[in-house]
């Protein structure tokens, strides 16, 4: 089982361990490791909110700016031929490579089912 929780702009992954009979998760989208767990959904949600609060308090105590979950930038690794083709296509169409990638991601997310079929055909 996989799901997500959201609190204060932070996302938490959720998994269930049948061996331990416990839900556990971590805040995703930040570099720090922040985990939480609970034996039922209510306990899990409370632990997630407490973990977010603790993360923010710890950052404040350390004088560190808390990371924002999904701040809008990321690095990707793709084969050189894809990088070249994407950059050339973007240039020919007078857009930045950034805009090309943004549009491609947006298109994929708006057409999830069709893209999923294509991915599974490969």
PDB file of N, CA and C in Angstrom:
ATOM      1  N   UNK A   1       0.840  -1.183   0.000  1.00  0.00           N
ATOM      2  CA  UNK A   1       0.000   0.000   0.000  1.00  0.00           C
ATOM      3  C   UNK A   1       0.884   1.245   0.000  1.00  0.00           C
ATOM      4  N   UNK A   2       0.597   2.180  -0.892  1.00  0.00           N
ATOM      5  CA  UNK A   2       1.316   3.443  -0.956  1.00  0.00           C
ATOM      6  C   UNK A   2       0.299   4.572  -1.070  1.00  0.00           C
ATOM      7  N   UNK A   3       0.532   5.648  -0.355  1.00  0.00           N
ATOM      8  CA  UNK A   3      -0.342   6.805  -0.410  1.00  0.00           C
ATOM      9  C   UNK A   3       0.462   8.008   0.051  1.00  0.00           C
ATOM     10  N   UNK A   4      -0.163   9.178   0.076  1.00  0.00           N
ATOM     11  CA  UNK A   4       0.529  10.373   0.547  1.00  0.00           C
ATOM     12  C   UNK A   4      -0.336  11.169   1.503  1.00  0.00           C
ATOM     13  N   UNK A   5       0.340  11.880   2.389  1.00  0.00           N
ATOM     14  CA  UNK A   5      -0.297  12.826   3.299  1.00  0.00           C
ATOM     15  C   UNK A   5       0.261  14.200   2.954  1.00  0.00           C
ATOM     16  N   UNK A   6      -0.531  15.255   3.176  1.00  0.00           N
ATOM     17  CA  UNK A   6      -0.071  16.617   2.907  1.00  0.00           C
ATOM     18  C   UNK A   6      -0.380  17.472   4.127  1.00  0.00           C
ATOM     19  N   UNK A   7       0.625  18.243   4.562  1.00  0.00           N
ATOM     20  CA  UNK A   7       0.451  19.163   5.693  1.00  0.00           C
ATOM     21  C   UNK A   7       1.447  20.303   5.541  1.00  0.00           C
ATOM     22  N   UNK A   8       0.973  21.538   5.635  1.00  0.00           N
ATOM     23  CA  UNK A   8       1.834  22.723   5.552  1.00  0.00           C
ATOM     24  C   UNK A   8       2.690  22.747   4.283  1.00  0.00           C
ATOM     25  N   UNK A   9       2.179  22.184   3.199  1.00  0.00           N
ATOM     26  CA  UNK A   9       2.930  22.169   1.948  1.00  0.00           C
ATOM     27  C   UNK A   9       3.939  21.045   1.833  1.00  0.00           C
ATOM     28  N   UNK A  10       4.018  20.199   2.846  1.00  0.00           N
ATOM     29  CA  UNK A  10       4.940  19.058   2.816  1.00  0.00           C
ATOM     30  C   UNK A  10       4.148  17.785   2.527  1.00  0.00           C
ATOM     31  N   UNK A  11       4.776  16.896   1.755  1.00  0.00           N
ATOM     32  CA  UNK A  11       4.146  15.629   1.378  1.00  0.00           C
ATOM     33  C   UNK A  11       4.840  14.495   2.110  1.00  0.00           C
ATOM     34  N   UNK A  12       4.043  13.582   2.607  1.00  0.00           N
ATOM     35  CA  UNK A  12       4.599  12.417   3.291  1.00  0.00           C
ATOM     36  C   UNK A  12       4.204  11.139   2.579  1.00  0.00           C
ATOM     37  N   UNK A  13       5.184  10.283   2.341  1.00  0.00           N
ATOM     38  CA  UNK A  13       4.886   8.974   1.757  1.00  0.00           C
ATOM     39  C   UNK A  13       4.322   8.086   2.854  1.00  0.00           C
ATOM     40  N   UNK A  14       3.499   7.139   2.471  1.00  0.00           N
ATOM     41  CA  UNK A  14       2.913   6.216   3.447  1.00  0.00           C
ATOM     42  C   UNK A  14       3.035   4.793   2.924  1.00  0.00           C
ATOM     43  N   UNK A  15       3.516   3.916   3.769  1.00  0.00           N
ATOM     44  CA  UNK A  15       3.592   2.486   3.440  1.00  0.00           C
ATOM     45  C   UNK A  15       3.117   1.709   4.663  1.00  0.00           C
ATOM     46  N   UNK A  16       2.662   0.506   4.409  1.00  0.00           N
ATOM     47  CA  UNK A  16       2.235  -0.356   5.499  1.00  0.00           C
ATOM     48  C   UNK A  16       3.142  -1.570   5.543  1.00  0.00           C
ATOM     49  N   UNK A  17       3.655  -1.875   6.724  1.00  0.00           N
ATOM     50  CA  UNK A  17       4.473  -3.068   6.921  1.00  0.00           C
ATOM     51  C   UNK A  17       3.609  -4.118   7.607  1.00  0.00           C
ATOM     52  N   UNK A  18       3.251  -5.165   6.867  1.00  0.00           N
ATOM     53  CA  UNK A  18       2.442  -6.224   7.475  1.00  0.00           C
ATOM     54  C   UNK A  18       3.259  -7.010   8.493  1.00  0.00           C
ATOM     55  N   UNK A  19       4.570  -7.068   8.294  1.00  0.00           N
ATOM     56  CA  UNK A  19       5.433  -7.780   9.244  1.00  0.00           C
ATOM     57  C   UNK A  19       5.434  -7.089  10.610  1.00  0.00           C
ATOM     58  N   UNK A  20       5.492  -5.737  10.586  1.00  0.00           N
ATOM     59  CA  UNK A  20       5.532  -4.978  11.839  1.00  0.00           C
ATOM     60  C   UNK A  20       4.151  -4.488  12.271  1.00  0.00           C
ATOM     61  N   UNK A  21       3.169  -4.625  11.378  1.00  0.00           N
ATOM     62  CA  UNK A  21       1.819  -4.123  11.616  1.00  0.00           C
ATOM     63  C   UNK A  21       1.826  -2.644  11.991  1.00  0.00           C
ATOM     64  N   UNK A  22       2.544  -1.865  11.171  1.00  0.00           N
ATOM     65  CA  UNK A  22       2.655  -0.432  11.415  1.00  0.00           C
ATOM     66  C   UNK A  22       2.702   0.312  10.075  1.00  0.00           C
ATOM     67  N   UNK A  23       2.099   1.499  10.076  1.00  0.00           N
ATOM     68  CA  UNK A  23       2.226   2.408   8.940  1.00  0.00           C
ATOM     69  C   UNK A  23       3.485   3.233   9.179  1.00  0.00           C
ATOM     70  N   UNK A  24       4.242   3.484   8.134  1.00  0.00           N
ATOM     71  CA  UNK A  24       5.416   4.344   8.286  1.00  0.00           C
ATOM     72  C   UNK A  24       5.568   5.201   7.044  1.00  0.00           C
ATOM     73  N   UNK A  25       6.270   6.294   7.190  1.00  0.00           N
ATOM     74  CA  UNK A  25       6.474   7.182   6.050  1.00  0.00           C
ATOM     75  C   UNK A  25       7.600   8.144   6.310  1.00  0.00           C
ATOM     76  N   UNK A  26       7.834   8.976   5.307  1.00  0.00           N
ATOM     77  CA  UNK A  26       8.853  10.013   5.419  1.00  0.00           C
ATOM     78  C   UNK A  26       8.399  11.213   4.612  1.00  0.00           C
ATOM     79  N   UNK A  27       8.926  12.379   4.958  1.00  0.00           N
ATOM     80  CA  UNK A  27       8.631  13.573   4.174  1.00  0.00           C
ATOM     81  C   UNK A  27       9.421  13.456   2.875  1.00  0.00           C
ATOM     82  N   UNK A  28       8.734  13.594   1.750  1.00  0.00           N
ATOM     83  CA  UNK A  28       9.391  13.487   0.451  1.00  0.00           C
ATOM     84  C   UNK A  28       9.599  14.873  -0.151  1.00  0.00           C
ATOM     85  N   UNK A  29      10.586  14.968  -1.019  1.00  0.00           N
ATOM     86  CA  UNK A  29      10.842  16.229  -1.705  1.00  0.00           C
ATOM     87  C   UNK A  29      11.806  17.146  -0.982  1.00  0.00           C
ATOM     88  N   UNK A  30      12.410  16.677   0.115  1.00  0.00           N
ATOM     89  CA  UNK A  30      13.440  17.449   0.816  1.00  0.00           C
ATOM     90  C   UNK A  30      14.662  16.551   0.988  1.00  0.00           C
ATOM     91  N   UNK A  31      15.817  17.169   1.210  1.00  0.00           N
ATOM     92  CA  UNK A  31      17.048  16.384   1.358  1.00  0.00           C
ATOM     93  C   UNK A  31      17.198  15.755   2.735  1.00  0.00           C
ATOM     94  N   UNK A  32      16.609  16.373   3.760  1.00  0.00           N
ATOM     95  CA  UNK A  32      16.713  15.820   5.112  1.00  0.00           C
ATOM     96  C   UNK A  32      15.833  14.575   5.244  1.00  0.00           C
ATOM     97  N   UNK A  33      16.242  13.662   6.110  1.00  0.00           N
ATOM     98  CA  UNK A  33      15.450  12.461   6.365  1.00  0.00           C
ATOM     99  C   UNK A  33      14.555  12.713   7.572  1.00  0.00           C
ATOM    100  N   UNK A  34      13.258  12.789   7.332  1.00  0.00           N
ATOM    101  CA  UNK A  34      12.272  13.008   8.391  1.00  0.00           C
ATOM    102  C   UNK A  34      11.239  11.893   8.261  1.00  0.00           C
ATOM    103  N   UNK A  35      11.151  11.047   9.296  1.00  0.00           N
ATOM    104  CA  UNK A  35      10.255   9.891   9.248  1.00  0.00           C
ATOM    105  C   UNK A  35       9.171   9.993  10.316  1.00  0.00           C
ATOM    106  N   UNK A  36       8.141   9.162  10.153  1.00  0.00           N
ATOM    107  CA  UNK A  36       7.039   9.106  11.114  1.00  0.00           C
ATOM    108  C   UNK A  36       6.381   7.742  10.988  1.00  0.00           C
ATOM    109  N   UNK A  37       5.631   7.349  12.024  1.00  0.00           N
ATOM    110  CA  UNK A  37       4.921   6.067  11.972  1.00  0.00           C
ATOM    111  C   UNK A  37       3.733   6.075  12.914  1.00  0.00           C
ATOM    112  N   UNK A  38       2.835   5.125  12.686  1.00  0.00           N
ATOM    113  CA  UNK A  38       1.664   4.966  13.541  1.00  0.00           C
ATOM    114  C   UNK A  38       1.044   3.604  13.324  1.00  0.00           C
ATOM    115  N   UNK A  39       0.319   3.131  14.324  1.00  0.00           N
ATOM    116  CA  UNK A  39      -0.306   1.807  14.216  1.00  0.00           C
ATOM    117  C   UNK A  39      -1.697   1.869  13.593  1.00  0.00           C
ATOM    118  N   UNK A  40      -2.236   3.088  13.434  1.00  0.00           N
ATOM    119  CA  UNK A  40      -3.517   3.262  12.746  1.00  0.00           C
ATOM    120  C   UNK A  40      -3.479   4.592  11.998  1.00  0.00           C
ATOM    121  N   UNK A  41      -4.483   4.853  11.205  1.00  0.00           N
ATOM    122  CA  UNK A  41      -4.481   6.041  10.354  1.00  0.00           C
ATOM    123  C   UNK A  41      -4.452   7.326  11.174  1.00  0.00           C
ATOM    124  N   UNK A  42      -5.251   7.408  12.218  1.00  0.00           N
ATOM    125  CA  UNK A  42      -5.282   8.617  13.047  1.00  0.00           C
ATOM    126  C   UNK A  42      -3.914   8.876  13.674  1.00  0.00           C
ATOM    127  N   UNK A  43      -3.287   7.821  14.176  1.00  0.00           N
ATOM    128  CA  UNK A  43      -1.959   7.944  14.786  1.00  0.00           C
ATOM    129  C   UNK A  43      -0.924   8.358  13.737  1.00  0.00           C
ATOM    130  N   UNK A  44      -1.037   7.790  12.545  1.00  0.00           N
ATOM    131  CA  UNK A  44      -0.115   8.116  11.454  1.00  0.00           C
ATOM    132  C   UNK A  44      -0.225   9.586  11.065  1.00  0.00           C
ATOM    133  N   UNK A  45      -1.461  10.074  10.908  1.00  0.00           N
ATOM    134  CA  UNK A  45      -1.670  11.477  10.545  1.00  0.00           C
ATOM    135  C   UNK A  45      -1.119  12.413  11.612  1.00  0.00           C
ATOM    136  N   UNK A  46      -1.357  12.090  12.865  1.00  0.00           N
ATOM    137  CA  UNK A  46      -0.841  12.915  13.965  1.00  0.00           C
ATOM    138  C   UNK A  46       0.684  12.899  13.975  1.00  0.00           C
ATOM    139  N   UNK A  47       1.275  11.736  13.744  1.00  0.00           N
ATOM    140  CA  UNK A  47       2.739  11.616  13.729  1.00  0.00           C
ATOM    141  C   UNK A  47       3.332  12.401  12.566  1.00  0.00           C
ATOM    142  N   UNK A  48       2.651  12.406  11.417  1.00  0.00           N
ATOM    143  CA  UNK A  48       3.124  13.168  10.259  1.00  0.00           C
ATOM    144  C   UNK A  48       3.112  14.660  10.567  1.00  0.00           C
ATOM    145  N   UNK A  49       2.006  15.152  11.122  1.00  0.00           N
ATOM    146  CA  UNK A  49       1.921  16.574  11.472  1.00  0.00           C
ATOM    147  C   UNK A  49       2.987  16.940  12.500  1.00  0.00           C
ATOM    148  N   UNK A  50       3.215  16.064  13.467  1.00  0.00           N
ATOM    149  CA  UNK A  50       4.251  16.309  14.479  1.00  0.00           C
ATOM    150  C   UNK A  50       5.636  16.305  13.838  1.00  0.00           C
ATOM    151  N   UNK A  51       5.864  15.425  12.865  1.00  0.00           N
ATOM    152  CA  UNK A  51       7.164  15.353  12.189  1.00  0.00           C
ATOM    153  C   UNK A  51       7.432  16.631  11.399  1.00  0.00           C
ATOM    154  N   UNK A  52       6.406  17.159  10.730  1.00  0.00           N
ATOM    155  CA  UNK A  52       6.561  18.415   9.990  1.00  0.00           C
ATOM    156  C   UNK A  52       6.876  19.543  10.964  1.00  0.00           C
ATOM    157  N   UNK A  53       6.128  19.620  12.063  1.00  0.00           N
ATOM    158  CA  UNK A  53       6.361  20.665  13.071  1.00  0.00           C
ATOM    159  C   UNK A  53       7.763  20.549  13.652  1.00  0.00           C
ATOM    160  N   UNK A  54       8.197  19.329  13.960  1.00  0.00           N
ATOM    161  CA  UNK A  54       9.535  19.109  14.505  1.00  0.00           C
ATOM    162  C   UNK A  54      10.607  19.514  13.498  1.00  0.00           C
ATOM    163  N   UNK A  55      10.394  19.187  12.230  1.00  0.00           N
ATOM    164  CA  UNK A  55      11.341  19.569  11.179  1.00  0.00           C
ATOM    165  C   UNK A  55      11.486  21.089  11.124  1.00  0.00           C
ATOM    166  N   UNK A  56      10.362  21.803  11.138  1.00  0.00           N
ATOM    167  CA  UNK A  56      10.396  23.264  11.076  1.00  0.00           C
ATOM    168  C   UNK A  56      11.059  23.858  12.317  1.00  0.00           C
ATOM    169  N   UNK A  57      10.753  23.299  13.491  1.00  0.00           N
ATOM    170  CA  UNK A  57      11.366  23.779  14.739  1.00  0.00           C
ATOM    171  C   UNK A  57      12.867  23.508  14.756  1.00  0.00           C
ATOM    172  N   UNK A  58      13.274  22.336  14.293  1.00  0.00           N
ATOM    173  CA  UNK A  58      14.697  21.988  14.256  1.00  0.00           C
ATOM    174  C   UNK A  58      15.445  22.923  13.315  1.00  0.00           C
ATOM    175  N   UNK A  59      14.873  23.194  12.150  1.00  0.00           N
ATOM    176  CA  UNK A  59      15.506  24.119  11.207  1.00  0.00           C
ATOM    177  C   UNK A  59      15.669  25.496  11.841  1.00  0.00           C
ATOM    178  N   UNK A  60      14.632  25.952  12.527  1.00  0.00           N
ATOM    179  CA  UNK A  60      14.687  27.264  13.179  1.00  0.00           C
ATOM    180  C   UNK A  60      15.783  27.286  14.240  1.00  0.00           C
ATOM    181  N   UNK A  61      15.862  26.232  15.048  1.00  0.00           N
ATOM    182  CA  UNK A  61      16.875  26.157  16.109  1.00  0.00           C
ATOM    183  C   UNK A  61      18.291  26.138  15.536  1.00  0.00           C
ATOM    184  N   UNK A  62      18.448  25.540  14.353  1.00  0.00           N
ATOM    185  CA  UNK A  62      19.769  25.462  13.716  1.00  0.00           C
ATOM    186  C   UNK A  62      20.074  26.684  12.853  1.00  0.00           C
ATOM    187  N   UNK A  63      19.107  27.583  12.736  1.00  0.00           N
ATOM    188  CA  UNK A  63      19.289  28.755  11.885  1.00  0.00           C
ATOM    189  C   UNK A  63      19.320  28.388  10.406  1.00  0.00           C
ATOM    190  N   UNK A  64      18.657  27.298  10.076  1.00  0.00           N
ATOM    191  CA  UNK A  64      18.647  26.781   8.707  1.00  0.00           C
ATOM    192  C   UNK A  64      17.282  27.049   8.083  1.00  0.00           C
ATOM    193  N   UNK A  65      17.280  27.471   6.837  1.00  0.00           N
ATOM    194  CA  UNK A  65      16.026  27.681   6.115  1.00  0.00           C
ATOM    195  C   UNK A  65      15.418  26.317   5.778  1.00  0.00           C
ATOM    196  N   UNK A  66      14.173  26.045   6.200  1.00  0.00           N
ATOM    197  CA  UNK A  66      13.560  24.752   5.871  1.00  0.00           C
ATOM    198  C   UNK A  66      13.393  24.617   4.361  1.00  0.00           C
ATOM    199  N   UNK A  67      13.646  23.427   3.874  1.00  0.00           N
ATOM    200  CA  UNK A  67      13.449  23.189   2.445  1.00  0.00           C
ATOM    201  C   UNK A  67      11.967  23.156   2.151  1.00  0.00           C
ATOM    202  N   UNK A  68      11.605  23.639   1.000  1.00  0.00           N
ATOM    203  CA  UNK A  68      10.225  23.542   0.538  1.00  0.00           C
ATOM    204  C   UNK A  68      10.114  22.260  -0.262  1.00  0.00           C
ATOM    205  N   UNK A  69       9.086  21.517   0.024  1.00  0.00           N
ATOM    206  CA  UNK A  69       8.826  20.305  -0.730  1.00  0.00           C
ATOM    207  C   UNK A  69       8.458  20.706  -2.158  1.00  0.00           C
ATOM    208  N   UNK A  70       9.157  20.168  -3.129  1.00  0.00           N
ATOM    209  CA  UNK A  70       8.901  20.458  -4.537  1.00  0.00           C
ATOM    210  C   UNK A  70       9.003  21.945  -4.834  1.00  0.00           C
ATOM    211  N   UNK A  71      10.225  22.443  -4.811  1.00  0.00           N
ATOM    212  CA  UNK A  71      10.457  23.866  -5.012  1.00  0.00           C
ATOM    213  C   UNK A  71      10.417  24.293  -6.473  1.00  0.00           C
ATOM    214  N   UNK A  72      10.267  23.341  -7.402  1.00  0.00           N
ATOM    215  CA  UNK A  72      10.105  23.713  -8.801  1.00  0.00           C
ATOM    216  C   UNK A  72      11.350  23.566  -9.650  1.00  0.00           C
ATOM    217  N   UNK A  73      12.396  22.987  -9.101  1.00  0.00           N
ATOM    218  CA  UNK A  73      13.585  22.728  -9.916  1.00  0.00           C
ATOM    219  C   UNK A  73      14.126  21.351  -9.573  1.00  0.00           C
ATOM    220  N   UNK A  74      14.660  20.681 -10.595  1.00  0.00           N
ATOM    221  CA  UNK A  74      15.245  19.364 -10.387  1.00  0.00           C
ATOM    222  C   UNK A  74      16.206  19.058 -11.527  1.00  0.00           C
ATOM    223  N   UNK A  75      17.096  18.136 -11.294  1.00  0.00           N
ATOM    224  CA  UNK A  75      18.034  17.694 -12.329  1.00  0.00           C
ATOM    225  C   UNK A  75      17.566  16.357 -12.868  1.00  0.00           C
ATOM    226  N   UNK A  76      17.734  16.170 -14.162  1.00  0.00           N
ATOM    227  CA  UNK A  76      17.403  14.879 -14.752  1.00  0.00           C
ATOM    228  C   UNK A  76      18.604  14.358 -15.522  1.00  0.00           C
ATOM    229  N   UNK A  77      18.692  13.050 -15.626  1.00  0.00           N
ATOM    230  CA  UNK A  77      19.742  12.429 -16.420  1.00  0.00           C
ATOM    231  C   UNK A  77      19.062  11.675 -17.551  1.00  0.00           C
ATOM    232  N   UNK A  78      19.402  12.071 -18.768  1.00  0.00           N
ATOM    233  CA  UNK A  78      18.840  11.421 -19.949  1.00  0.00           C
ATOM    234  C   UNK A  78      19.975  11.123 -20.917  1.00  0.00           C
ATOM    235  N   UNK A  79      19.751  10.212 -21.840  1.00  0.00           N
ATOM    236  CA  UNK A  79      20.788   9.928 -22.836  1.00  0.00           C
ATOM    237  C   UNK A  79      21.114  11.185 -23.652  1.00  0.00           C
ATOM    238  N   UNK A  80      22.351  11.287 -24.097  1.00  0.00           N
ATOM    239  CA  UNK A  80      22.812  12.460 -24.847  1.00  0.00           C
ATOM    240  C   UNK A  80      21.963  12.718 -26.093  1.00  0.00           C
ATOM    241  N   UNK A  81      21.542  11.647 -26.784  1.00  0.00           N
ATOM    242  CA  UNK A  81      20.759  11.856 -28.007  1.00  0.00           C
ATOM    243  C   UNK A  81      19.413  12.520 -27.700  1.00  0.00           C
ATOM    244  N   UNK A  82      18.793  12.183 -26.545  1.00  0.00           N
ATOM    245  CA  UNK A  82      17.533  12.835 -26.169  1.00  0.00           C
ATOM    246  C   UNK A  82      17.764  14.299 -25.815  1.00  0.00           C
ATOM    247  N   UNK A  83      18.845  14.566 -25.103  1.00  0.00           N
ATOM    248  CA  UNK A  83      19.197  15.937 -24.741  1.00  0.00           C
ATOM    249  C   UNK A  83      19.367  16.770 -26.015  1.00  0.00           C
ATOM    250  N   UNK A  84      20.116  16.211 -26.972  1.00  0.00           N
ATOM    251  CA  UNK A  84      20.371  16.908 -28.237  1.00  0.00           C
ATOM    252  C   UNK A  84      19.067  17.155 -28.991  1.00  0.00           C
ATOM    253  N   UNK A  85      18.246  16.116 -29.155  1.00  0.00           N
ATOM    254  CA  UNK A  85      16.995  16.261 -29.907  1.00  0.00           C
ATOM    255  C   UNK A  85      16.053  17.264 -29.248  1.00  0.00           C
ATOM    256  N   UNK A  86      15.956  17.213 -27.928  1.00  0.00           N
ATOM    257  CA  UNK A  86      15.079  18.144 -27.213  1.00  0.00           C
ATOM    258  C   UNK A  86      15.583  19.578 -27.358  1.00  0.00           C
ATOM    259  N   UNK A  87      16.885  19.773 -27.203  1.00  0.00           N
ATOM    260  CA  UNK A  87      17.463  21.116 -27.322  1.00  0.00           C
ATOM    261  C   UNK A  87      17.284  21.663 -28.737  1.00  0.00           C
ATOM    262  N   UNK A  88      17.496  20.825 -29.749  1.00  0.00           N
ATOM    263  CA  UNK A  88      17.314  21.265 -31.135  1.00  0.00           C
ATOM    264  C   UNK A  88      15.852  21.605 -31.411  1.00  0.00           C
ATOM    265  N   UNK A  89      14.932  20.748 -30.960  1.00  0.00           N
ATOM    266  CA  UNK A  89      13.512  21.006 -31.172  1.00  0.00           C
ATOM    267  C   UNK A  89      13.105  22.315 -30.498  1.00  0.00           C
ATOM    268  N   UNK A  90      13.569  22.513 -29.278  1.00  0.00           N
ATOM    269  CA  UNK A  90      13.249  23.746 -28.548  1.00  0.00           C
ATOM    270  C   UNK A  90      13.794  24.965 -29.291  1.00  0.00           C
ATOM    271  N   UNK A  91      15.025  24.870 -29.767  1.00  0.00           N
ATOM    272  CA  UNK A  91      15.647  25.987 -30.478  1.00  0.00           C
ATOM    273  C   UNK A  91      14.892  26.315 -31.765  1.00  0.00           C
ATOM    274  N   UNK A  92      14.571  25.288 -32.542  1.00  0.00           N
ATOM    275  CA  UNK A  92      13.834  25.484 -33.797  1.00  0.00           C
ATOM    276  C   UNK A  92      12.490  26.146 -33.534  1.00  0.00           C
ATOM    277  N   UNK A  93      11.862  25.794 -32.421  1.00  0.00           N
ATOM    278  CA  UNK A  93      10.553  26.346 -32.070  1.00  0.00           C
ATOM    279  C   UNK A  93      10.637  27.583 -31.184  1.00  0.00           C
ATOM    280  N   UNK A  94      11.839  28.090 -31.029  1.00  0.00           N
ATOM    281  CA  UNK A  94      12.106  29.337 -30.301  1.00  0.00           C
ATOM    282  C   UNK A  94      11.549  29.336 -28.879  1.00  0.00           C
ATOM    283  N   UNK A  95      11.808  28.223 -28.194  1.00  0.00           N
ATOM    284  CA  UNK A  95      11.490  28.144 -26.771  1.00  0.00           C
ATOM    285  C   UNK A  95      12.727  27.627 -26.047  1.00  0.00           C
ATOM    286  N   UNK A  96      12.759  27.811 -24.755  1.00  0.00           N
ATOM    287  CA  UNK A  96      13.897  27.303 -23.979  1.00  0.00           C
ATOM    288  C   UNK A  96      13.739  25.801 -23.749  1.00  0.00           C
ATOM    289  N   UNK A  97      14.839  25.152 -23.452  1.00  0.00           N
ATOM    290  CA  UNK A  97      14.794  23.731 -23.106  1.00  0.00           C
ATOM    291  C   UNK A  97      13.934  23.534 -21.857  1.00  0.00           C
ATOM    292  N   UNK A  98      14.017  24.482 -20.935  1.00  0.00           N
ATOM    293  CA  UNK A  98      13.189  24.445 -19.724  1.00  0.00           C
ATOM    294  C   UNK A  98      11.701  24.416 -20.079  1.00  0.00           C
ATOM    295  N   UNK A  99      11.293  25.307 -20.999  1.00  0.00           N
ATOM    296  CA  UNK A  99       9.888  25.344 -21.409  1.00  0.00           C
ATOM    297  C   UNK A  99       9.484  24.054 -22.107  1.00  0.00           C
ATOM    298  N   UNK A 100      10.394  23.499 -22.918  1.00  0.00           N
ATOM    299  CA  UNK A 100      10.117  22.230 -23.589  1.00  0.00           C
ATOM    300  C   UNK A 100       9.817  21.137 -22.567  1.00  0.00           C
ATOM    301  N   UNK A 101      10.669  21.027 -21.557  1.00  0.00           N
ATOM    302  CA  UNK A 101      10.493  19.998 -20.528  1.00  0.00           C
ATOM    303  C   UNK A 101       9.217  20.254 -19.728  1.00  0.00           C
ATOM    304  N   UNK A 102       8.956  21.517 -19.387  1.00  0.00           N
ATOM    305  CA  UNK A 102       7.743  21.858 -18.637  1.00  0.00           C
ATOM    306  C   UNK A 102       6.492  21.459 -19.413  1.00  0.00           C
ATOM    307  N   UNK A 103       6.452  21.775 -20.719  1.00  0.00           N
ATOM    308  CA  UNK A 103       5.296  21.435 -21.551  1.00  0.00           C
ATOM    309  C   UNK A 103       5.156  19.919 -21.679  1.00  0.00           C
ATOM    310  N   UNK A 104       6.282  19.217 -21.846  1.00  0.00           N
ATOM    311  CA  UNK A 104       6.240  17.750 -21.966  1.00  0.00           C
ATOM    312  C   UNK A 104       5.690  17.115 -20.690  1.00  0.00           C
ATOM    313  N   UNK A 105       6.125  17.609 -19.545  1.00  0.00           N
ATOM    314  CA  UNK A 105       5.629  17.075 -18.270  1.00  0.00           C
ATOM    315  C   UNK A 105       4.147  17.406 -18.103  1.00  0.00           C
ATOM    316  N   UNK A 106       3.781  18.646 -18.406  1.00  0.00           N
ATOM    317  CA  UNK A 106       2.384  19.053 -18.291  1.00  0.00           C
ATOM    318  C   UNK A 106       1.496  18.198 -19.196  1.00  0.00           C
ATOM    319  N   UNK A 107       1.925  17.982 -20.431  1.00  0.00           N
ATOM    320  CA  UNK A 107       1.162  17.149 -21.368  1.00  0.00           C
ATOM    321  C   UNK A 107       1.004  15.726 -20.827  1.00  0.00           C
ATOM    322  N   UNK A 108       2.100  15.172 -20.338  1.00  0.00           N
ATOM    323  CA  UNK A 108       2.068  13.810 -19.802  1.00  0.00           C
ATOM    324  C   UNK A 108       1.086  13.698 -18.641  1.00  0.00           C
ATOM    325  N   UNK A 109       1.113  14.658 -17.739  1.00  0.00           N
ATOM    326  CA  UNK A 109       0.235  14.604 -16.568  1.00  0.00           C
ATOM    327  C   UNK A 109      -1.231  14.833 -16.925  1.00  0.00           C
ATOM    328  N   UNK A 110      -1.498  15.579 -18.001  1.00  0.00           N
ATOM    329  CA  UNK A 110      -2.884  15.774 -18.437  1.00  0.00           C
ATOM    330  C   UNK A 110      -3.393  14.589 -19.252  1.00  0.00           C
ATOM    331  N   UNK A 111      -2.493  13.732 -19.693  1.00  0.00           N
ATOM    332  CA  UNK A 111      -2.853  12.574 -20.518  1.00  0.00           C
ATOM    333  C   UNK A 111      -2.284  11.293 -19.921  1.00  0.00           C
ATOM    334  N   UNK A 112      -2.435  11.144 -18.612  1.00  0.00           N
ATOM    335  CA  UNK A 112      -1.808  10.035 -17.877  1.00  0.00           C
ATOM    336  C   UNK A 112      -2.160   8.663 -18.431  1.00  0.00           C
ATOM    337  N   UNK A 113      -3.433   8.439 -18.703  1.00  0.00           N
ATOM    338  CA  UNK A 113      -3.849   7.103 -19.148  1.00  0.00           C
ATOM    339  C   UNK A 113      -3.219   6.741 -20.485  1.00  0.00           C
ATOM    340  N   UNK A 114      -3.273   7.665 -21.448  1.00  0.00           N
ATOM    341  CA  UNK A 114      -2.708   7.394 -22.774  1.00  0.00           C
ATOM    342  C   UNK A 114      -1.197   7.190 -22.690  1.00  0.00           C
ATOM    343  N   UNK A 115      -0.532   8.004 -21.901  1.00  0.00           N
ATOM    344  CA  UNK A 115       0.921   7.875 -21.760  1.00  0.00           C
ATOM    345  C   UNK A 115       1.267   6.574 -21.048  1.00  0.00           C
ATOM    346  N   UNK A 116       0.474   6.179 -20.065  1.00  0.00           N
ATOM    347  CA  UNK A 116       0.725   4.916 -19.357  1.00  0.00           C
ATOM    348  C   UNK A 116       0.650   3.740 -20.322  1.00  0.00           C
ATOM    349  N   UNK A 117      -0.308   3.778 -21.241  1.00  0.00           N
ATOM    350  CA  UNK A 117      -0.422   2.715 -22.249  1.00  0.00           C
ATOM    351  C   UNK A 117       0.845   2.674 -23.097  1.00  0.00           C
ATOM    352  N   UNK A 118       1.311   3.841 -23.537  1.00  0.00           N
ATOM    353  CA  UNK A 118       2.538   3.900 -24.343  1.00  0.00           C
ATOM    354  C   UNK A 118       3.738   3.367 -23.572  1.00  0.00           C
ATOM    355  N   UNK A 119       3.839   3.723 -22.315  1.00  0.00           N
ATOM    356  CA  UNK A 119       4.970   3.270 -21.497  1.00  0.00           C
ATOM    357  C   UNK A 119       4.972   1.759 -21.338  1.00  0.00           C
ATOM    358  N   UNK A 120       3.794   1.178 -21.186  1.00  0.00           N
ATOM    359  CA  UNK A 120       3.711  -0.270 -20.972  1.00  0.00           C
ATOM    360  C   UNK A 120       3.849  -1.063 -22.262  1.00  0.00           C
ATOM    361  N   UNK A 121       3.719  -0.377 -23.413  1.00  0.00           N
ATOM    362  CA  UNK A 121       3.910  -1.046 -24.703  1.00  0.00           C
ATOM    363  C   UNK A 121       5.385  -1.212 -25.038  1.00  0.00           C
ATOM    364  N   UNK A 122       6.231  -0.408 -24.414  1.00  0.00           N
ATOM    365  CA  UNK A 122       7.673  -0.445 -24.728  1.00  0.00           C
ATOM    366  C   UNK A 122       8.337  -1.666 -24.173  1.00  0.00           C
TER     367      UNK A 122
END
